[in-house]
Amino acid sequence: MKMVGILLMIVLGFVLRTMFYTKNQPAEFPAVEVSPAVTTPVVAGELLAFTATEQEAHDIAKLYEIDLKYWDGGLAVFTTDRDIYDVIRQGKENGWPALSVNGINQLH
């Protein structure tokens, strides 16, 4: 009888833990909105992307109609005269490879 009680408590504990753990977890990652309200300074007119090859970086530049400044070891740096947040938003709306701003990190 004691063994049944212990087994019942283990099962009940597992069920309750599963209910509360999954209940409080988001079903998926929340969507990130592109916003010009950035607290980190950015390099004006520059965007970044990680690509496997330099050719892939050229293809992204052509797709977005922006210029490839350079590619080095998988990091592509692009330049544009357009608003960088509009370019990022355009890519997101069209399902294109993601670009990000070139943030300036400072040591204090």
N, C-alpha and C. Protein backbone atom coordinates (compact mmCIF):
# COMPACT_ATOMS: atom_id res chain seq x y z
N MET A 1 0.82 -1.18 0.00
CA MET A 1 0.00 0.00 0.00
C MET A 1 0.87 1.25 0.00
N LYS A 2 1.94 1.19 0.80
CA LYS A 2 2.86 2.32 0.87
C LYS A 2 3.51 2.57 -0.49
N MET A 3 3.84 1.51 -1.21
CA MET A 3 4.48 1.59 -2.52
C MET A 3 3.52 2.23 -3.54
N VAL A 4 2.24 1.90 -3.47
CA VAL A 4 1.24 2.47 -4.37
C VAL A 4 1.11 3.97 -4.11
N GLY A 5 1.15 4.37 -2.86
CA GLY A 5 1.06 5.79 -2.50
C GLY A 5 2.24 6.58 -3.03
N ILE A 6 3.44 6.00 -2.90
CA ILE A 6 4.64 6.66 -3.41
C ILE A 6 4.58 6.78 -4.93
N LEU A 7 4.18 5.71 -5.58
CA LEU A 7 4.06 5.71 -7.04
C LEU A 7 3.02 6.72 -7.50
N LEU A 8 1.91 6.80 -6.79
CA LEU A 8 0.86 7.76 -7.11
C LEU A 8 1.37 9.20 -6.95
N MET A 9 2.15 9.46 -5.92
CA MET A 9 2.71 10.80 -5.69
C MET A 9 3.70 11.17 -6.80
N ILE A 10 4.50 10.22 -7.24
CA ILE A 10 5.46 10.48 -8.32
C ILE A 10 4.71 10.82 -9.61
N VAL A 11 3.71 10.05 -9.94
CA VAL A 11 2.94 10.30 -11.16
C VAL A 11 2.22 11.64 -11.06
N LEU A 12 1.60 11.91 -9.93
CA LEU A 12 0.90 13.17 -9.73
C LEU A 12 1.88 14.35 -9.83
N GLY A 13 3.04 14.21 -9.24
CA GLY A 13 4.06 15.27 -9.32
C GLY A 13 4.49 15.51 -10.75
N PHE A 14 4.67 14.45 -11.51
CA PHE A 14 5.07 14.58 -12.91
C PHE A 14 3.98 15.29 -13.72
N VAL A 15 2.73 14.89 -13.48
CA VAL A 15 1.61 15.50 -14.21
C VAL A 15 1.50 16.98 -13.87
N LEU A 16 1.57 17.33 -12.61
CA LEU A 16 1.46 18.73 -12.20
C LEU A 16 2.63 19.56 -12.73
N ARG A 17 3.83 19.01 -12.67
CA ARG A 17 4.99 19.73 -13.17
C ARG A 17 4.86 19.97 -14.67
N THR A 18 4.41 18.97 -15.39
CA THR A 18 4.23 19.11 -16.83
C THR A 18 3.16 20.14 -17.15
N MET A 19 2.05 20.12 -16.40
CA MET A 19 0.97 21.08 -16.65
C MET A 19 1.44 22.51 -16.42
N PHE A 20 2.09 22.77 -15.29
CA PHE A 20 2.49 24.13 -14.97
C PHE A 20 3.69 24.57 -15.78
N TYR A 21 4.60 23.68 -16.08
CA TYR A 21 5.78 24.06 -16.85
C TYR A 21 5.39 24.43 -18.27
N THR A 22 4.59 23.60 -18.92
CA THR A 22 4.21 23.89 -20.30
C THR A 22 3.20 25.03 -20.38
N LYS A 23 2.41 25.21 -19.35
CA LYS A 23 1.41 26.28 -19.35
C LYS A 23 2.08 27.65 -19.34
N ASN A 24 3.20 27.79 -18.66
CA ASN A 24 3.86 29.08 -18.53
C ASN A 24 4.91 29.33 -19.62
N GLN A 25 5.10 28.40 -20.52
CA GLN A 25 6.09 28.56 -21.58
C GLN A 25 5.41 29.02 -22.87
N PRO A 26 6.05 29.95 -23.60
CA PRO A 26 5.45 30.37 -24.87
C PRO A 26 5.48 29.22 -25.87
N ALA A 27 4.47 29.17 -26.71
CA ALA A 27 4.38 28.11 -27.71
C ALA A 27 5.48 28.26 -28.75
N GLU A 28 5.88 29.49 -29.03
CA GLU A 28 6.94 29.75 -29.99
C GLU A 28 7.59 31.06 -29.61
N PHE A 29 8.72 31.35 -30.22
CA PHE A 29 9.40 32.60 -29.91
C PHE A 29 8.56 33.77 -30.43
N PRO A 30 8.48 34.83 -29.66
CA PRO A 30 7.69 35.97 -30.12
C PRO A 30 8.35 36.63 -31.32
N ALA A 31 7.54 37.22 -32.17
CA ALA A 31 8.06 37.91 -33.35
C ALA A 31 8.79 39.17 -32.91
N VAL A 32 9.90 39.44 -33.55
CA VAL A 32 10.68 40.62 -33.24
C VAL A 32 10.34 41.69 -34.26
N GLU A 33 9.91 42.81 -33.78
CA GLU A 33 9.55 43.91 -34.67
C GLU A 33 10.79 44.76 -34.94
N VAL A 34 10.90 45.20 -36.17
CA VAL A 34 11.99 46.10 -36.55
C VAL A 34 11.58 47.50 -36.14
N SER A 35 12.45 48.16 -35.39
CA SER A 35 12.11 49.49 -34.91
C SER A 35 13.34 50.39 -34.95
N PRO A 36 13.18 51.60 -35.42
CA PRO A 36 14.31 52.51 -35.42
C PRO A 36 14.68 53.03 -34.03
N ALA A 37 13.88 52.68 -33.02
CA ALA A 37 14.18 53.11 -31.66
C ALA A 37 15.24 52.20 -31.06
N VAL A 38 16.46 52.35 -31.52
CA VAL A 38 17.56 51.50 -31.08
C VAL A 38 18.38 52.25 -30.06
N THR A 39 18.74 51.59 -28.97
CA THR A 39 19.54 52.24 -27.95
C THR A 39 21.03 52.12 -28.27
N THR A 40 21.43 51.12 -29.06
CA THR A 40 22.82 50.96 -29.46
C THR A 40 23.07 51.76 -30.73
N PRO A 41 24.13 52.57 -30.75
CA PRO A 41 24.43 53.30 -31.98
C PRO A 41 24.76 52.35 -33.13
N VAL A 42 24.41 52.74 -34.34
CA VAL A 42 24.66 51.91 -35.51
C VAL A 42 25.48 52.69 -36.53
N VAL A 43 26.18 51.95 -37.39
CA VAL A 43 26.92 52.57 -38.48
C VAL A 43 25.90 52.95 -39.56
N ALA A 44 25.84 54.21 -39.89
CA ALA A 44 24.85 54.71 -40.85
C ALA A 44 25.03 54.05 -42.21
N GLY A 45 23.93 53.52 -42.74
CA GLY A 45 23.94 52.97 -44.08
C GLY A 45 24.59 51.61 -44.23
N GLU A 46 24.94 50.95 -43.11
CA GLU A 46 25.57 49.63 -43.21
C GLU A 46 24.67 48.54 -42.63
N LEU A 47 24.66 47.41 -43.31
CA LEU A 47 23.89 46.23 -42.89
C LEU A 47 24.81 45.03 -42.92
N LEU A 48 24.49 44.02 -42.12
CA LEU A 48 25.31 42.81 -42.02
C LEU A 48 24.49 41.56 -42.30
N ALA A 49 25.18 40.53 -42.76
CA ALA A 49 24.58 39.21 -42.91
C ALA A 49 25.69 38.17 -42.85
N PHE A 50 25.38 37.01 -42.30
CA PHE A 50 26.30 35.88 -42.34
C PHE A 50 25.95 35.03 -43.55
N THR A 51 26.95 34.76 -44.38
CA THR A 51 26.74 33.96 -45.59
C THR A 51 27.82 32.90 -45.68
N ALA A 52 27.49 31.81 -46.33
CA ALA A 52 28.45 30.72 -46.48
C ALA A 52 29.53 31.04 -47.50
N THR A 53 29.17 31.81 -48.53
CA THR A 53 30.12 32.12 -49.60
C THR A 53 30.01 33.60 -49.98
N GLU A 54 31.03 34.08 -50.65
CA GLU A 54 31.00 35.45 -51.15
C GLU A 54 29.94 35.59 -52.23
N GLN A 55 29.74 34.54 -53.03
CA GLN A 55 28.71 34.58 -54.07
C GLN A 55 27.32 34.76 -53.46
N GLU A 56 27.07 34.10 -52.34
CA GLU A 56 25.79 34.27 -51.66
C GLU A 56 25.61 35.72 -51.21
N ALA A 57 26.68 36.35 -50.76
CA ALA A 57 26.62 37.76 -50.37
C ALA A 57 26.29 38.64 -51.57
N HIS A 58 26.90 38.35 -52.72
CA HIS A 58 26.59 39.10 -53.94
C HIS A 58 25.12 38.92 -54.33
N ASP A 59 24.61 37.69 -54.18
CA ASP A 59 23.21 37.42 -54.51
C ASP A 59 22.26 38.21 -53.61
N ILE A 60 22.59 38.30 -52.33
CA ILE A 60 21.76 39.07 -51.39
C ILE A 60 21.79 40.55 -51.75
N ALA A 61 22.97 41.05 -52.10
CA ALA A 61 23.08 42.46 -52.49
C ALA A 61 22.22 42.76 -53.72
N LYS A 62 22.22 41.86 -54.67
CA LYS A 62 21.41 42.04 -55.88
C LYS A 62 19.92 41.98 -55.54
N LEU A 63 19.54 41.05 -54.67
CA LEU A 63 18.15 40.88 -54.27
C LEU A 63 17.62 42.16 -53.61
N TYR A 64 18.39 42.70 -52.68
CA TYR A 64 17.98 43.89 -51.94
C TYR A 64 18.26 45.20 -52.69
N GLU A 65 19.02 45.10 -53.79
CA GLU A 65 19.47 46.28 -54.53
C GLU A 65 20.30 47.20 -53.63
N ILE A 66 21.27 46.59 -52.94
CA ILE A 66 22.22 47.31 -52.10
C ILE A 66 23.62 46.91 -52.55
N ASP A 67 24.63 47.56 -52.02
CA ASP A 67 26.01 47.30 -52.44
C ASP A 67 26.74 46.44 -51.41
N LEU A 68 27.50 45.47 -51.90
CA LEU A 68 28.35 44.66 -51.03
C LEU A 68 29.64 45.43 -50.82
N LYS A 69 29.89 45.86 -49.59
CA LYS A 69 31.11 46.60 -49.26
C LYS A 69 32.29 45.64 -49.20
N TYR A 70 32.13 44.55 -48.44
CA TYR A 70 33.13 43.49 -48.42
C TYR A 70 32.56 42.24 -47.79
N TRP A 71 33.26 41.14 -48.04
CA TRP A 71 32.91 39.84 -47.46
C TRP A 71 34.19 39.25 -46.89
N ASP A 72 34.13 38.76 -45.67
CA ASP A 72 35.33 38.18 -45.06
C ASP A 72 34.92 37.07 -44.10
N GLY A 73 35.30 35.85 -44.45
CA GLY A 73 35.09 34.71 -43.56
C GLY A 73 33.66 34.46 -43.15
N GLY A 74 32.72 34.78 -44.02
CA GLY A 74 31.31 34.52 -43.71
C GLY A 74 30.52 35.76 -43.33
N LEU A 75 31.20 36.86 -43.05
CA LEU A 75 30.51 38.10 -42.71
C LEU A 75 30.47 39.00 -43.92
N ALA A 76 29.25 39.35 -44.33
CA ALA A 76 29.06 40.27 -45.45
C ALA A 76 28.62 41.62 -44.90
N VAL A 77 29.28 42.68 -45.37
CA VAL A 77 28.93 44.04 -44.98
C VAL A 77 28.39 44.75 -46.22
N PHE A 78 27.19 45.27 -46.10
CA PHE A 78 26.51 45.94 -47.21
C PHE A 78 26.36 47.42 -46.90
N THR A 79 26.24 48.23 -47.96
CA THR A 79 25.95 49.65 -47.79
C THR A 79 24.74 50.02 -48.63
N THR A 80 24.04 51.04 -48.17
CA THR A 80 22.86 51.53 -48.88
C THR A 80 22.63 52.99 -48.55
N ASP A 81 21.99 53.71 -49.47
CA ASP A 81 21.59 55.09 -49.22
C ASP A 81 20.18 55.15 -48.62
N ARG A 82 19.46 54.03 -48.71
CA ARG A 82 18.09 53.99 -48.18
C ARG A 82 18.15 53.83 -46.66
N ASP A 83 17.01 54.04 -46.03
CA ASP A 83 16.91 53.83 -44.59
C ASP A 83 17.14 52.36 -44.28
N ILE A 84 18.08 52.06 -43.41
CA ILE A 84 18.44 50.66 -43.16
C ILE A 84 17.29 49.86 -42.57
N TYR A 85 16.43 50.51 -41.80
CA TYR A 85 15.29 49.79 -41.21
C TYR A 85 14.23 49.47 -42.27
N ASP A 86 14.10 50.33 -43.26
CA ASP A 86 13.20 50.03 -44.38
C ASP A 86 13.71 48.85 -45.19
N VAL A 87 15.02 48.76 -45.37
CA VAL A 87 15.62 47.65 -46.11
C VAL A 87 15.38 46.34 -45.35
N ILE A 88 15.60 46.35 -44.05
CA ILE A 88 15.37 45.15 -43.22
C ILE A 88 13.91 44.74 -43.28
N ARG A 89 13.02 45.72 -43.16
CA ARG A 89 11.58 45.46 -43.20
C ARG A 89 11.18 44.86 -44.55
N GLN A 90 11.73 45.40 -45.64
CA GLN A 90 11.44 44.88 -46.98
C GLN A 90 11.83 43.40 -47.09
N GLY A 91 12.99 43.06 -46.59
CA GLY A 91 13.44 41.67 -46.63
C GLY A 91 12.56 40.75 -45.81
N LYS A 92 12.15 41.23 -44.64
CA LYS A 92 11.28 40.42 -43.79
C LYS A 92 9.93 40.18 -44.45
N GLU A 93 9.37 41.21 -45.06
CA GLU A 93 8.07 41.09 -45.72
C GLU A 93 8.13 40.15 -46.93
N ASN A 94 9.29 40.10 -47.60
CA ASN A 94 9.44 39.27 -48.80
C ASN A 94 10.03 37.89 -48.52
N GLY A 95 10.39 37.61 -47.26
CA GLY A 95 10.96 36.31 -46.91
C GLY A 95 12.38 36.13 -47.41
N TRP A 96 13.11 37.22 -47.55
CA TRP A 96 14.49 37.16 -48.03
C TRP A 96 15.44 36.84 -46.89
N PRO A 97 16.70 36.51 -47.18
CA PRO A 97 17.69 36.27 -46.11
C PRO A 97 17.78 37.50 -45.20
N ALA A 98 17.90 37.24 -43.91
CA ALA A 98 17.87 38.31 -42.91
C ALA A 98 19.12 39.17 -42.95
N LEU A 99 18.91 40.45 -42.77
CA LEU A 99 19.99 41.43 -42.59
C LEU A 99 19.86 42.03 -41.19
N SER A 100 20.95 42.56 -40.68
CA SER A 100 20.90 43.24 -39.39
C SER A 100 21.70 44.52 -39.47
N VAL A 101 21.45 45.41 -38.53
CA VAL A 101 22.20 46.66 -38.49
C VAL A 101 23.61 46.38 -37.99
N ASN A 102 24.53 47.28 -38.33
CA ASN A 102 25.91 47.16 -37.87
C ASN A 102 26.04 48.02 -36.63
N GLY A 103 25.81 47.41 -35.47
CA GLY A 103 25.84 48.14 -34.20
C GLY A 103 27.24 48.45 -33.75
N ILE A 104 27.37 49.56 -33.05
CA ILE A 104 28.67 49.98 -32.49
C ILE A 104 28.67 49.64 -31.02
N ASN A 105 29.56 48.77 -30.62
CA ASN A 105 29.70 48.42 -29.21
C ASN A 105 30.87 49.20 -28.62
N GLN A 106 30.64 49.78 -27.45
CA GLN A 106 31.68 50.57 -26.81
C GLN A 106 32.01 49.98 -25.45
N LEU A 107 33.29 49.96 -25.13
CA LEU A 107 33.73 49.53 -23.81
C LEU A 107 33.74 50.75 -22.90
N HIS A 108 33.21 50.58 -21.71
CA HIS A 108 33.17 51.70 -20.77
C HIS A 108 34.11 51.45 -19.63
